[in-house]
C-alpha cells in the first residue's frame, strides 16, 4: 500500500522558508549600526584633533561713544611708586535647609598693581613758600605725603580659579568684589611697606633740587604734619 506524500502545513512552510531571509535582514541592520557607530567614532576623533584648525574664533567688541563728564586740574608730585602682587581669595559662603547644607561661591584672583604716592601741590597754603632772592634763601613747607593712585594692571591680573558648588547661587559680581578688595589690600600693603615715608623724602629732595636750580643757595624743604591745622 502506498501512502500519499506528507503535506507540510502552509504556515510551517512559510516560517521555514523565511527564516534565512529574517537572518539576513537582521545581519544587514547590525552591520549598518556598526558602520554608523564607526563613522561617529571617526568623526568625533577628527573633531577633537582637528577642531582647533577647523573652527575659527573671534571676539567682537562694540563700544558706545565716550562722554567726558568731569574735568579736574591736578598739581600732583608723584615721588614713589610700588609694584605689588597679591592673591585674593573671596568666598561667598551660603547655607541651605537651616544650615544643614553648606555651599559656597568662590574666586581666586591673582592681583598685580601699582601704588603711587607723593604730595598734592594744590594743598599749598599761604606762607608755605618763603623766598628771599637777595640773600638766596628759600623755605618751603610741603603738604603731607599720601597715596595718590592705586590701580590694577588688567593685563597681568587674572582669575586663577572660579568655583560654584552644585547648590550654591552664583554671584556674577564676585570678580568685581575681588578686584575692589585687591585695590584696598594693595594700598594697605604699600603703606605698611613704607611708601609714605619714601614719597615724603623723595618729594623734599626733588623740590630742593628744583629750587637750587633757580639760583637759591640756602634751601630748606620740610613737610607739614598730617594733623597740623
N, C-alpha and C. Protein backbone atom coordinates (compact mmCIF):
# COMPACT_ATOMS: atom_id res chain seq x y z
N UNK A 1 0.87 -1.19 0.00
CA UNK A 1 0.00 0.00 0.00
C UNK A 1 0.90 1.23 0.00
N UNK A 2 0.61 2.17 -0.81
CA UNK A 2 1.37 3.42 -0.88
C UNK A 2 0.58 4.54 -0.25
N UNK A 3 1.31 5.25 0.52
CA UNK A 3 0.68 6.40 1.20
C UNK A 3 1.01 7.66 0.43
N UNK A 4 0.14 8.62 0.43
CA UNK A 4 0.41 9.90 -0.26
C UNK A 4 1.49 10.69 0.47
N UNK A 5 2.28 11.46 -0.25
CA UNK A 5 3.34 12.25 0.42
C UNK A 5 2.75 13.20 1.48
N UNK A 6 3.56 13.32 2.57
CA UNK A 6 3.08 14.15 3.69
C UNK A 6 3.11 15.61 3.27
N UNK A 7 2.04 16.26 3.57
CA UNK A 7 1.91 17.68 3.23
C UNK A 7 2.32 18.55 4.42
N UNK A 8 3.16 19.50 4.12
CA UNK A 8 3.58 20.45 5.18
C UNK A 8 2.57 21.56 5.27
N UNK A 9 2.12 21.87 6.49
CA UNK A 9 1.16 22.97 6.64
C UNK A 9 1.72 24.27 6.09
N UNK A 10 0.90 25.09 5.48
CA UNK A 10 1.39 26.34 4.84
C UNK A 10 2.11 27.24 5.80
N UNK A 11 1.60 27.37 7.05
CA UNK A 11 2.26 28.31 7.96
C UNK A 11 3.63 27.82 8.34
N UNK A 12 3.80 26.48 8.51
CA UNK A 12 5.11 25.95 8.86
C UNK A 12 6.05 26.11 7.69
N UNK A 13 5.54 25.91 6.51
CA UNK A 13 6.37 26.06 5.33
C UNK A 13 6.86 27.50 5.16
N UNK A 14 6.00 28.44 5.45
CA UNK A 14 6.38 29.85 5.33
C UNK A 14 7.44 30.22 6.34
N UNK A 15 7.30 29.71 7.59
CA UNK A 15 8.29 30.02 8.59
C UNK A 15 9.64 29.43 8.22
N UNK A 16 9.66 28.27 7.71
CA UNK A 16 10.91 27.61 7.37
C UNK A 16 11.60 28.33 6.23
N UNK A 17 10.84 28.72 5.25
CA UNK A 17 11.46 29.37 4.08
C UNK A 17 11.85 30.82 4.36
N UNK A 18 11.19 31.50 5.35
CA UNK A 18 11.51 32.90 5.62
C UNK A 18 12.57 33.07 6.68
N UNK A 19 12.97 32.03 7.39
CA UNK A 19 13.97 32.15 8.45
C UNK A 19 15.29 32.68 7.93
N UNK A 20 15.84 32.14 6.82
CA UNK A 20 17.09 32.70 6.30
C UNK A 20 16.95 34.16 5.91
N UNK A 21 15.80 34.54 5.38
CA UNK A 21 15.59 35.94 4.98
C UNK A 21 15.63 36.87 6.18
N UNK A 22 14.96 36.46 7.29
CA UNK A 22 14.97 37.28 8.52
C UNK A 22 16.37 37.42 9.05
N UNK A 23 17.16 36.33 9.02
CA UNK A 23 18.53 36.40 9.50
C UNK A 23 19.37 37.36 8.68
N UNK A 24 19.16 37.34 7.36
CA UNK A 24 19.92 38.27 6.52
C UNK A 24 19.53 39.71 6.81
N UNK A 25 18.23 39.97 7.04
CA UNK A 25 17.79 41.34 7.34
C UNK A 25 18.39 41.83 8.65
N UNK A 26 18.37 40.96 9.66
CA UNK A 26 18.94 41.35 10.95
C UNK A 26 20.44 41.59 10.82
N UNK A 27 21.12 40.75 10.09
CA UNK A 27 22.55 40.95 9.89
C UNK A 27 22.85 42.26 9.19
N UNK A 28 22.00 42.58 8.20
CA UNK A 28 22.20 43.85 7.50
C UNK A 28 21.99 45.04 8.42
N UNK A 29 20.99 44.94 9.29
CA UNK A 29 20.74 46.04 10.25
C UNK A 29 21.90 46.20 11.22
N UNK A 30 22.40 45.07 11.73
CA UNK A 30 23.52 45.14 12.67
C UNK A 30 24.74 45.74 11.99
N UNK A 31 24.97 45.32 10.74
CA UNK A 31 26.10 45.89 10.00
C UNK A 31 25.96 47.39 9.79
N UNK A 32 24.73 47.81 9.49
CA UNK A 32 24.51 49.25 9.30
C UNK A 32 24.75 50.02 10.58
N UNK A 33 24.28 49.48 11.73
CA UNK A 33 24.52 50.14 13.00
C UNK A 33 26.01 50.20 13.33
N UNK A 34 26.72 49.11 13.07
CA UNK A 34 28.16 49.10 13.33
C UNK A 34 28.88 50.11 12.45
N UNK A 35 28.47 50.19 11.19
CA UNK A 35 29.08 51.17 10.29
C UNK A 35 28.81 52.60 10.77
N UNK A 36 27.57 52.85 11.20
CA UNK A 36 27.23 54.19 11.70
C UNK A 36 28.02 54.51 12.95
N UNK A 37 28.20 53.52 13.84
CA UNK A 37 28.98 53.74 15.05
C UNK A 37 30.43 54.03 14.72
N UNK A 38 30.97 53.30 13.74
CA UNK A 38 32.36 53.54 13.35
C UNK A 38 32.53 54.93 12.78
N UNK A 39 31.57 55.36 11.93
CA UNK A 39 31.66 56.69 11.35
C UNK A 39 31.57 57.77 12.44
N UNK A 40 30.71 57.55 13.43
CA UNK A 40 30.56 58.52 14.53
C UNK A 40 31.85 58.63 15.32
N UNK A 41 32.49 57.47 15.61
CA UNK A 41 33.74 57.50 16.37
C UNK A 41 34.83 58.22 15.60
N UNK A 42 34.93 57.92 14.31
CA UNK A 42 35.95 58.58 13.48
C UNK A 42 35.70 60.09 13.42
N UNK A 43 34.43 60.49 13.29
CA UNK A 43 34.12 61.93 13.25
C UNK A 43 34.45 62.62 14.56
N UNK A 44 34.16 61.92 15.68
CA UNK A 44 34.48 62.52 16.99
C UNK A 44 35.98 62.70 17.15
N UNK A 45 36.75 61.68 16.74
CA UNK A 45 38.21 61.79 16.85
C UNK A 45 38.72 62.92 15.95
N UNK A 46 38.15 63.05 14.77
CA UNK A 46 38.58 64.11 13.86
C UNK A 46 38.29 65.49 14.43
N UNK A 47 37.12 65.62 15.08
CA UNK A 47 36.76 66.92 15.68
C UNK A 47 37.71 67.26 16.81
N UNK A 48 38.05 66.25 17.64
CA UNK A 48 38.94 66.51 18.78
C UNK A 48 40.32 66.93 18.30
N UNK A 49 40.85 66.22 17.30
CA UNK A 49 42.21 66.50 16.85
C UNK A 49 42.28 67.69 15.90
N UNK A 50 41.29 67.83 15.04
CA UNK A 50 41.34 68.88 14.03
C UNK A 50 40.43 70.06 14.34
N UNK A 51 39.73 70.00 15.51
CA UNK A 51 38.79 71.08 15.85
C UNK A 51 39.42 72.46 15.87
N UNK A 52 40.56 72.64 16.60
CA UNK A 52 41.16 73.97 16.62
C UNK A 52 41.54 74.50 15.25
N UNK A 53 41.88 73.58 14.32
CA UNK A 53 42.26 74.03 12.98
C UNK A 53 41.03 74.33 12.12
N UNK A 54 39.93 73.62 12.39
CA UNK A 54 38.73 73.80 11.57
C UNK A 54 37.87 74.96 12.04
N UNK A 55 37.84 75.17 13.36
CA UNK A 55 36.99 76.22 13.92
C UNK A 55 37.72 77.55 13.91
N UNK A 56 36.98 78.59 13.74
CA UNK A 56 37.52 79.94 13.77
C UNK A 56 36.88 80.70 14.91
N UNK A 57 37.73 81.35 15.71
CA UNK A 57 37.27 82.08 16.87
C UNK A 57 37.45 83.57 16.61
N UNK A 58 36.59 84.34 17.21
CA UNK A 58 36.70 85.78 17.07
C UNK A 58 35.95 86.48 18.19
N UNK A 59 36.43 87.66 18.55
CA UNK A 59 35.81 88.46 19.60
C UNK A 59 35.33 89.77 19.00
N UNK A 60 34.09 90.08 19.24
CA UNK A 60 33.52 91.32 18.73
C UNK A 60 33.32 92.29 19.89
N UNK A 61 33.88 93.46 19.76
CA UNK A 61 33.78 94.48 20.81
C UNK A 61 33.07 95.69 20.22
N UNK A 62 31.99 96.06 20.85
CA UNK A 62 31.22 97.23 20.42
C UNK A 62 31.18 98.23 21.57
N UNK A 63 31.63 99.40 21.33
CA UNK A 63 31.66 100.42 22.37
C UNK A 63 30.84 101.62 21.94
N UNK A 64 30.23 102.24 22.91
CA UNK A 64 29.45 103.45 22.66
C UNK A 64 30.37 104.66 22.71
N UNK A 65 29.97 105.78 22.17
CA UNK A 65 30.81 106.98 22.22
C UNK A 65 31.11 107.40 23.66
N UNK A 66 32.34 107.83 23.88
CA UNK A 66 32.75 108.27 25.22
C UNK A 66 32.21 109.66 25.51
N UNK A 67 31.87 109.88 26.77
CA UNK A 67 31.33 111.16 27.21
C UNK A 67 32.16 111.65 28.39
N UNK A 68 32.79 112.79 28.27
CA UNK A 68 33.55 113.39 29.36
C UNK A 68 32.58 114.07 30.31
N UNK A 69 32.51 113.57 31.54
CA UNK A 69 31.54 114.10 32.49
C UNK A 69 32.16 115.02 33.53
N UNK A 70 33.51 115.03 33.63
CA UNK A 70 34.15 115.90 34.62
C UNK A 70 35.60 116.12 34.22
N UNK A 71 36.09 117.31 34.52
CA UNK A 71 37.49 117.68 34.27
C UNK A 71 38.03 118.32 35.55
N UNK A 72 39.20 117.86 35.96
CA UNK A 72 39.80 118.40 37.18
C UNK A 72 41.27 118.67 36.94
N UNK A 73 41.71 119.86 37.27
CA UNK A 73 43.12 120.22 37.15
C UNK A 73 43.89 119.64 38.34
N UNK A 74 45.07 119.11 38.05
CA UNK A 74 45.88 118.47 39.07
C UNK A 74 47.23 119.15 39.17
N UNK A 75 47.79 119.13 40.36
CA UNK A 75 49.14 119.66 40.60
C UNK A 75 49.86 118.70 41.54
N UNK A 76 49.91 117.44 41.13
CA UNK A 76 50.47 116.40 41.99
C UNK A 76 51.92 116.13 41.64
N UNK A 77 52.67 115.83 42.66
CA UNK A 77 54.07 115.43 42.51
C UNK A 77 54.19 113.99 43.00
N UNK A 78 54.22 113.07 42.05
CA UNK A 78 54.38 111.66 42.41
C UNK A 78 55.86 111.38 42.62
N UNK A 79 56.19 110.91 43.80
CA UNK A 79 57.60 110.75 44.15
C UNK A 79 57.97 109.32 44.53
N UNK A 80 57.01 108.39 44.54
CA UNK A 80 57.32 106.99 44.85
C UNK A 80 56.23 106.11 44.26
N UNK A 81 56.64 104.96 43.75
CA UNK A 81 55.69 104.01 43.20
C UNK A 81 56.12 102.61 43.57
N UNK A 82 55.17 101.82 44.05
CA UNK A 82 55.43 100.42 44.42
C UNK A 82 54.68 99.50 43.47
N UNK A 83 55.35 98.44 43.07
CA UNK A 83 54.71 97.37 42.29
C UNK A 83 54.38 96.24 43.27
N UNK A 84 53.10 95.90 43.37
CA UNK A 84 52.64 94.96 44.40
C UNK A 84 51.87 93.83 43.72
N UNK A 85 52.11 92.62 44.20
CA UNK A 85 51.36 91.45 43.75
C UNK A 85 50.75 90.75 44.96
N UNK A 86 49.55 90.25 44.76
CA UNK A 86 48.84 89.65 45.89
C UNK A 86 47.78 88.69 45.36
N UNK A 87 47.54 87.62 46.13
CA UNK A 87 46.49 86.65 45.79
C UNK A 87 45.27 86.95 46.66
N UNK A 88 44.14 87.15 46.00
CA UNK A 88 42.90 87.50 46.68
C UNK A 88 41.97 86.29 46.63
N UNK A 89 41.55 85.82 47.78
CA UNK A 89 40.64 84.68 47.90
C UNK A 89 39.33 85.17 48.49
N UNK A 90 38.29 85.22 47.66
CA UNK A 90 36.97 85.69 48.10
C UNK A 90 36.01 84.52 48.04
N UNK A 91 35.35 84.24 49.15
CA UNK A 91 34.41 83.12 49.23
C UNK A 91 33.08 83.63 49.79
N UNK A 92 32.03 83.36 49.05
CA UNK A 92 30.67 83.70 49.48
C UNK A 92 30.03 82.43 50.01
N UNK A 93 30.05 82.27 51.33
CA UNK A 93 29.53 81.05 51.95
C UNK A 93 28.01 81.15 52.10
N UNK A 94 27.33 80.07 51.74
CA UNK A 94 25.88 80.02 51.78
C UNK A 94 25.44 78.76 52.51
N UNK A 95 24.24 78.81 53.09
CA UNK A 95 23.70 77.66 53.81
C UNK A 95 22.25 77.43 53.37
N UNK A 96 21.88 76.16 53.29
CA UNK A 96 20.55 75.76 52.89
C UNK A 96 19.96 74.84 53.94
N UNK A 97 18.62 74.78 53.94
CA UNK A 97 17.90 73.89 54.86
C UNK A 97 18.32 74.13 56.30
N UNK A 98 18.23 75.39 56.70
CA UNK A 98 18.50 75.80 58.08
C UNK A 98 19.92 75.42 58.51
N UNK A 99 20.86 75.55 57.57
CA UNK A 99 22.26 75.30 57.89
C UNK A 99 22.70 73.86 57.76
N UNK A 100 21.84 72.98 57.29
CA UNK A 100 22.24 71.57 57.15
C UNK A 100 23.16 71.37 55.96
N UNK A 101 23.03 72.21 54.93
CA UNK A 101 23.85 72.09 53.73
C UNK A 101 24.68 73.36 53.60
N UNK A 102 25.99 73.19 53.49
CA UNK A 102 26.91 74.31 53.35
C UNK A 102 27.45 74.34 51.92
N UNK A 103 27.31 75.48 51.27
CA UNK A 103 27.82 75.66 49.92
C UNK A 103 28.56 76.98 49.85
N UNK A 104 29.26 77.19 48.73
CA UNK A 104 29.97 78.44 48.57
C UNK A 104 30.20 78.75 47.10
N UNK A 105 30.35 80.05 46.83
CA UNK A 105 30.73 80.57 45.53
C UNK A 105 32.06 81.28 45.74
N UNK A 106 33.12 80.82 45.07
CA UNK A 106 34.47 81.29 45.39
C UNK A 106 35.22 81.70 44.14
N UNK A 107 36.18 82.60 44.35
CA UNK A 107 37.07 83.04 43.29
C UNK A 107 38.45 83.27 43.87
N UNK A 108 39.46 82.90 43.09
CA UNK A 108 40.86 83.11 43.48
C UNK A 108 41.49 84.00 42.42
N UNK A 109 41.83 85.23 42.82
CA UNK A 109 42.31 86.25 41.89
C UNK A 109 43.78 86.57 42.17
N UNK A 110 44.60 86.51 41.14
CA UNK A 110 46.00 86.93 41.24
C UNK A 110 46.06 88.39 40.81
N UNK A 111 46.24 89.28 41.79
CA UNK A 111 46.17 90.72 41.54
C UNK A 111 47.58 91.30 41.42
N UNK A 112 47.77 92.10 40.40
CA UNK A 112 49.03 92.80 40.17
C UNK A 112 48.69 94.27 39.94
N UNK A 113 49.38 95.15 40.65
CA UNK A 113 49.06 96.56 40.52
C UNK A 113 50.19 97.46 40.96
N UNK A 114 49.95 98.75 40.78
CA UNK A 114 50.91 99.78 41.16
C UNK A 114 50.25 100.76 42.13
N UNK A 115 51.02 101.16 43.12
CA UNK A 115 50.58 102.16 44.10
C UNK A 115 51.57 103.30 44.06
N UNK A 116 51.08 104.51 43.78
CA UNK A 116 51.95 105.68 43.72
C UNK A 116 51.58 106.65 44.83
N UNK A 117 52.58 107.29 45.37
CA UNK A 117 52.39 108.25 46.46
C UNK A 117 53.21 109.49 46.19
N UNK A 118 52.82 110.58 46.84
CA UNK A 118 53.52 111.84 46.67
C UNK A 118 52.79 112.95 47.39
N UNK A 119 52.94 114.16 46.90
CA UNK A 119 52.30 115.32 47.53
C UNK A 119 51.46 116.03 46.48
N UNK A 120 50.37 116.61 46.96
CA UNK A 120 49.49 117.38 46.10
C UNK A 120 49.82 118.86 46.32
N UNK A 121 50.48 119.46 45.34
CA UNK A 121 50.91 120.86 45.48
C UNK A 121 49.73 121.82 45.49
N UNK A 122 48.55 121.34 45.11
CA UNK A 122 47.37 122.20 45.20
C UNK A 122 46.99 122.48 46.65
N UNK A 123 47.54 121.71 47.60
CA UNK A 123 47.24 121.91 49.02
C UNK A 123 48.21 122.88 49.68
N UNK A 124 49.09 123.52 48.91
CA UNK A 124 49.99 124.52 49.49
C UNK A 124 49.19 125.70 50.05
N UNK A 125 49.62 126.18 51.20
CA UNK A 125 48.92 127.29 51.86
C UNK A 125 49.75 128.57 51.76
N UNK A 126 49.09 129.66 52.13
CA UNK A 126 49.82 130.92 52.22
C UNK A 126 50.87 130.81 53.31
N UNK A 127 52.08 131.19 52.96
CA UNK A 127 53.16 131.11 53.94
C UNK A 127 53.97 129.83 53.85
N UNK A 128 53.52 128.87 53.02
CA UNK A 128 54.29 127.63 52.89
C UNK A 128 55.55 127.84 52.05
N UNK A 129 55.55 128.87 51.22
CA UNK A 129 56.72 129.17 50.39
C UNK A 129 57.21 130.57 50.74
N UNK A 130 58.39 130.63 51.30
CA UNK A 130 59.02 131.91 51.68
C UNK A 130 60.39 131.97 51.00
N UNK A 131 60.58 132.97 50.13
CA UNK A 131 61.84 133.08 49.39
C UNK A 131 62.42 134.48 49.54
N UNK A 132 63.74 134.54 49.64
CA UNK A 132 64.47 135.81 49.72
C UNK A 132 65.53 135.79 48.62
N UNK A 133 65.19 136.31 47.44
CA UNK A 133 66.16 136.27 46.34
C UNK A 133 67.43 137.03 46.64
N UNK A 134 67.34 138.11 47.47
CA UNK A 134 68.53 138.90 47.77
C UNK A 134 69.57 138.11 48.54
N UNK A 135 69.15 137.32 49.48
CA UNK A 135 70.08 136.52 50.28
C UNK A 135 70.21 135.09 49.74
N UNK A 136 69.39 134.74 48.72
CA UNK A 136 69.48 133.40 48.15
C UNK A 136 68.98 132.31 49.07
N UNK A 137 67.95 132.63 49.85
CA UNK A 137 67.40 131.63 50.77
C UNK A 137 65.93 131.36 50.42
N UNK A 138 65.52 130.16 50.70
CA UNK A 138 64.12 129.78 50.44
C UNK A 138 63.72 128.71 51.46
N UNK A 139 62.51 128.86 51.94
CA UNK A 139 61.97 127.88 52.88
C UNK A 139 60.60 127.43 52.36
N UNK A 140 60.45 126.13 52.18
CA UNK A 140 59.23 125.57 51.59
C UNK A 140 58.71 124.48 52.51
N UNK A 141 57.41 124.56 52.78
CA UNK A 141 56.74 123.53 53.58
C UNK A 141 55.74 122.81 52.68
N UNK A 142 55.98 121.53 52.44
CA UNK A 142 55.13 120.75 51.54
C UNK A 142 53.94 120.17 52.27
N UNK A 143 52.85 119.92 51.54
CA UNK A 143 51.71 119.22 52.15
C UNK A 143 52.10 117.80 52.53
N UNK A 144 51.35 117.16 53.38
CA UNK A 144 51.67 115.79 53.78
C UNK A 144 51.64 114.84 52.58
N UNK A 145 52.56 113.91 52.57
CA UNK A 145 52.59 112.89 51.52
C UNK A 145 51.46 111.89 51.76
N UNK A 146 50.90 111.39 50.70
CA UNK A 146 49.82 110.41 50.78
C UNK A 146 49.76 109.58 49.51
N UNK A 147 48.97 108.54 49.55
CA UNK A 147 48.79 107.71 48.36
C UNK A 147 47.93 108.48 47.36
N UNK A 148 48.44 108.62 46.16
CA UNK A 148 47.74 109.38 45.13
C UNK A 148 46.94 108.49 44.19
N UNK A 149 47.43 107.28 43.94
CA UNK A 149 46.75 106.43 42.97
C UNK A 149 47.06 104.97 43.25
N UNK A 150 46.02 104.16 43.19
CA UNK A 150 46.16 102.70 43.27
C UNK A 150 45.39 102.11 42.10
N UNK A 151 46.07 101.35 41.29
CA UNK A 151 45.40 100.79 40.11
C UNK A 151 45.88 99.37 39.87
N UNK A 152 44.97 98.54 39.35
CA UNK A 152 45.29 97.18 38.98
C UNK A 152 45.83 97.15 37.55
N UNK A 153 46.77 96.29 37.33
CA UNK A 153 47.28 96.05 35.99
C UNK A 153 46.39 94.98 35.35
N UNK A 154 45.45 95.40 34.51
CA UNK A 154 44.49 94.45 33.95
C UNK A 154 45.13 93.42 33.04
N UNK A 155 46.28 93.74 32.46
CA UNK A 155 46.94 92.78 31.59
C UNK A 155 47.62 91.66 32.38
N UNK A 156 47.96 91.91 33.63
CA UNK A 156 48.65 90.91 34.44
C UNK A 156 47.77 90.34 35.54
N UNK A 157 46.66 90.97 35.83
CA UNK A 157 45.73 90.44 36.82
C UNK A 157 44.83 89.41 36.16
N UNK A 158 44.72 88.24 36.78
CA UNK A 158 43.95 87.17 36.15
C UNK A 158 43.28 86.31 37.22
N UNK A 159 42.24 85.62 36.78
CA UNK A 159 41.47 84.74 37.67
C UNK A 159 42.11 83.35 37.62
N UNK A 160 42.59 82.90 38.77
CA UNK A 160 43.21 81.58 38.85
C UNK A 160 42.17 80.47 38.87
N UNK A 161 41.09 80.69 39.63
CA UNK A 161 40.03 79.68 39.68
C UNK A 161 38.72 80.37 40.03
N UNK A 162 37.63 79.79 39.53
CA UNK A 162 36.27 80.28 39.80
C UNK A 162 35.39 79.06 39.97
N UNK A 163 34.93 78.81 41.20
CA UNK A 163 34.17 77.61 41.50
C UNK A 163 32.85 77.98 42.17
N UNK A 164 31.82 77.26 41.78
CA UNK A 164 30.49 77.41 42.36
C UNK A 164 29.96 76.02 42.68
N UNK A 165 29.64 75.77 43.95
CA UNK A 165 29.11 74.46 44.34
C UNK A 165 27.78 74.19 43.66
N UNK A 166 27.40 72.92 43.69
CA UNK A 166 26.22 72.48 42.95
C UNK A 166 24.96 73.24 43.38
N UNK A 167 24.78 73.42 44.66
CA UNK A 167 23.56 74.04 45.17
C UNK A 167 23.75 75.51 45.52
N UNK A 168 24.93 76.05 45.22
CA UNK A 168 25.21 77.44 45.58
C UNK A 168 24.68 78.38 44.50
N UNK A 169 24.36 79.59 44.93
CA UNK A 169 23.93 80.64 44.00
C UNK A 169 25.16 81.36 43.47
N UNK A 170 25.30 81.47 42.16
CA UNK A 170 26.46 82.11 41.56
C UNK A 170 26.25 83.62 41.49
N UNK A 171 27.19 84.36 42.05
CA UNK A 171 27.13 85.82 42.05
C UNK A 171 28.07 86.34 40.96
N UNK A 172 27.49 86.99 39.97
CA UNK A 172 28.28 87.47 38.85
C UNK A 172 29.19 88.64 39.23
N UNK A 173 28.91 89.31 40.35
CA UNK A 173 29.74 90.43 40.76
C UNK A 173 30.87 90.01 41.68
N UNK A 174 31.12 88.72 41.82
CA UNK A 174 32.16 88.26 42.75
C UNK A 174 33.54 88.71 42.27
N UNK A 175 33.78 88.68 40.97
CA UNK A 175 35.08 89.14 40.47
C UNK A 175 35.25 90.64 40.71
N UNK A 176 34.18 91.41 40.55
CA UNK A 176 34.26 92.85 40.83
C UNK A 176 34.61 93.09 42.29
N UNK A 177 33.98 92.35 43.18
CA UNK A 177 34.30 92.47 44.60
C UNK A 177 35.73 92.07 44.89
N UNK A 178 36.22 91.04 44.20
CA UNK A 178 37.60 90.62 44.40
C UNK A 178 38.58 91.70 43.93
N UNK A 179 38.27 92.35 42.83
CA UNK A 179 39.14 93.41 42.34
C UNK A 179 39.12 94.63 43.26
N UNK A 180 37.97 94.96 43.81
CA UNK A 180 37.91 96.06 44.77
C UNK A 180 38.71 95.74 46.03
N UNK A 181 38.58 94.52 46.50
CA UNK A 181 39.36 94.11 47.67
C UNK A 181 40.85 94.13 47.35
N UNK A 182 41.20 93.77 46.11
CA UNK A 182 42.61 93.78 45.72
C UNK A 182 43.18 95.20 45.78
N UNK A 183 42.43 96.18 45.31
CA UNK A 183 42.92 97.56 45.36
C UNK A 183 43.13 98.02 46.79
N UNK A 184 42.19 97.66 47.67
CA UNK A 184 42.34 98.06 49.08
C UNK A 184 43.56 97.39 49.72
N UNK A 185 43.74 96.12 49.47
CA UNK A 185 44.85 95.41 50.10
C UNK A 185 46.19 95.81 49.49
N UNK A 186 46.22 96.12 48.19
CA UNK A 186 47.46 96.59 47.59
C UNK A 186 47.89 97.92 48.21
N UNK A 187 46.94 98.83 48.39
CA UNK A 187 47.27 100.11 49.00
C UNK A 187 47.74 99.92 50.44
N UNK A 188 47.05 99.06 51.19
CA UNK A 188 47.45 98.82 52.57
C UNK A 188 48.85 98.20 52.65
N UNK A 189 49.13 97.28 51.74
CA UNK A 189 50.46 96.64 51.73
C UNK A 189 51.54 97.66 51.41
N UNK A 190 51.28 98.57 50.48
CA UNK A 190 52.27 99.58 50.14
C UNK A 190 52.52 100.53 51.32
N UNK A 191 51.46 100.90 52.02
CA UNK A 191 51.62 101.78 53.18
C UNK A 191 52.43 101.08 54.28
N UNK A 192 52.12 99.81 54.51
CA UNK A 192 52.87 99.06 55.52
C UNK A 192 54.33 98.88 55.14
N UNK A 193 54.61 98.92 53.84
CA UNK A 193 55.99 98.76 53.37
C UNK A 193 56.75 100.08 53.34
N UNK A 194 56.12 101.19 53.75
CA UNK A 194 56.82 102.46 53.89
C UNK A 194 56.78 103.36 52.69
N UNK A 195 55.74 103.27 51.87
CA UNK A 195 55.70 104.12 50.69
C UNK A 195 55.49 105.59 51.04
N UNK A 196 54.80 105.88 52.15
CA UNK A 196 54.55 107.28 52.52
C UNK A 196 55.86 107.97 52.91
N UNK A 197 56.66 107.31 53.74
CA UNK A 197 57.94 107.91 54.15
C UNK A 197 58.87 108.11 52.95
N UNK A 198 58.90 107.12 52.06
CA UNK A 198 59.76 107.26 50.88
C UNK A 198 59.27 108.40 49.98
N UNK A 199 57.95 108.51 49.81
CA UNK A 199 57.41 109.58 48.98
C UNK A 199 57.73 110.95 49.58
N UNK A 200 57.63 111.08 50.90
CA UNK A 200 57.93 112.36 51.55
C UNK A 200 59.40 112.74 51.34
N UNK A 201 60.30 111.80 51.54
CA UNK A 201 61.73 112.10 51.38
C UNK A 201 62.07 112.46 49.94
N UNK A 202 61.52 111.69 49.00
CA UNK A 202 61.80 111.97 47.59
C UNK A 202 61.23 113.32 47.16
N UNK A 203 60.04 113.64 47.65
CA UNK A 203 59.45 114.93 47.29
C UNK A 203 60.27 116.09 47.82
N UNK A 204 60.74 115.98 49.05
CA UNK A 204 61.58 117.05 49.61
C UNK A 204 62.87 117.21 48.80
N UNK A 205 63.49 116.10 48.45
CA UNK A 205 64.74 116.19 47.67
C UNK A 205 64.49 116.76 46.28
N UNK A 206 63.37 116.37 45.66
CA UNK A 206 63.08 116.86 44.31
C UNK A 206 62.82 118.36 44.31
N UNK A 207 62.01 118.83 45.27
CA UNK A 207 61.70 120.26 45.34
C UNK A 207 62.95 121.06 45.69
N UNK A 208 63.77 120.53 46.58
CA UNK A 208 65.01 121.24 46.94
C UNK A 208 65.94 121.37 45.73
N UNK A 209 66.06 120.31 44.95
CA UNK A 209 66.92 120.38 43.76
C UNK A 209 66.36 121.38 42.74
N UNK A 210 65.03 121.42 42.62
CA UNK A 210 64.42 122.36 41.68
C UNK A 210 64.68 123.81 42.10
N UNK A 211 64.52 124.09 43.39
CA UNK A 211 64.73 125.46 43.87
C UNK A 211 66.21 125.83 43.79
N UNK A 212 67.09 124.88 44.06
CA UNK A 212 68.53 125.15 43.92
C UNK A 212 68.86 125.54 42.48
N UNK A 213 68.19 124.89 41.50
CA UNK A 213 68.47 125.20 40.10
C UNK A 213 68.01 126.61 39.73
N UNK A 214 67.18 127.22 40.54
CA UNK A 214 66.71 128.58 40.28
C UNK A 214 67.66 129.63 40.84
N UNK A 215 68.74 129.21 41.48
CA UNK A 215 69.74 130.15 41.97
C UNK A 215 69.73 130.37 43.46
N UNK A 216 68.93 129.63 44.20
CA UNK A 216 68.90 129.77 45.65
C UNK A 216 69.93 128.84 46.27
N UNK A 217 70.81 129.42 47.08
CA UNK A 217 71.91 128.64 47.67
C UNK A 217 71.47 127.92 48.93
N UNK A 218 70.65 128.59 49.72
CA UNK A 218 70.23 128.01 51.01
C UNK A 218 68.75 127.67 50.92
N UNK A 219 68.45 126.39 50.77
CA UNK A 219 67.07 125.94 50.58
C UNK A 219 66.72 124.97 51.70
N UNK A 220 65.57 125.22 52.32
CA UNK A 220 65.07 124.32 53.37
C UNK A 220 63.68 123.84 52.96
N UNK A 221 63.53 122.54 52.85
CA UNK A 221 62.24 121.94 52.46
C UNK A 221 61.82 120.98 53.56
N UNK A 222 60.64 121.21 54.10
CA UNK A 222 60.07 120.34 55.12
C UNK A 222 58.67 119.93 54.69
N UNK A 223 58.09 119.02 55.45
CA UNK A 223 56.74 118.52 55.15
C UNK A 223 55.84 118.78 56.34
N UNK A 224 54.67 119.31 56.06
CA UNK A 224 53.71 119.60 57.12
C UNK A 224 53.16 118.30 57.69
N UNK A 225 52.97 118.29 58.99
CA UNK A 225 52.39 117.11 59.63
C UNK A 225 50.97 116.90 59.17
N UNK A 226 50.53 115.65 59.22
CA UNK A 226 49.19 115.31 58.76
C UNK A 226 48.13 115.99 59.59
N UNK A 227 48.37 116.11 60.89
CA UNK A 227 47.37 116.68 61.80
C UNK A 227 47.53 118.18 62.02
N UNK A 228 48.45 118.80 61.30
CA UNK A 228 48.67 120.24 61.50
C UNK A 228 47.49 121.02 60.94
N UNK A 229 47.04 122.06 61.64
CA UNK A 229 45.89 122.83 61.16
C UNK A 229 46.24 123.64 59.92
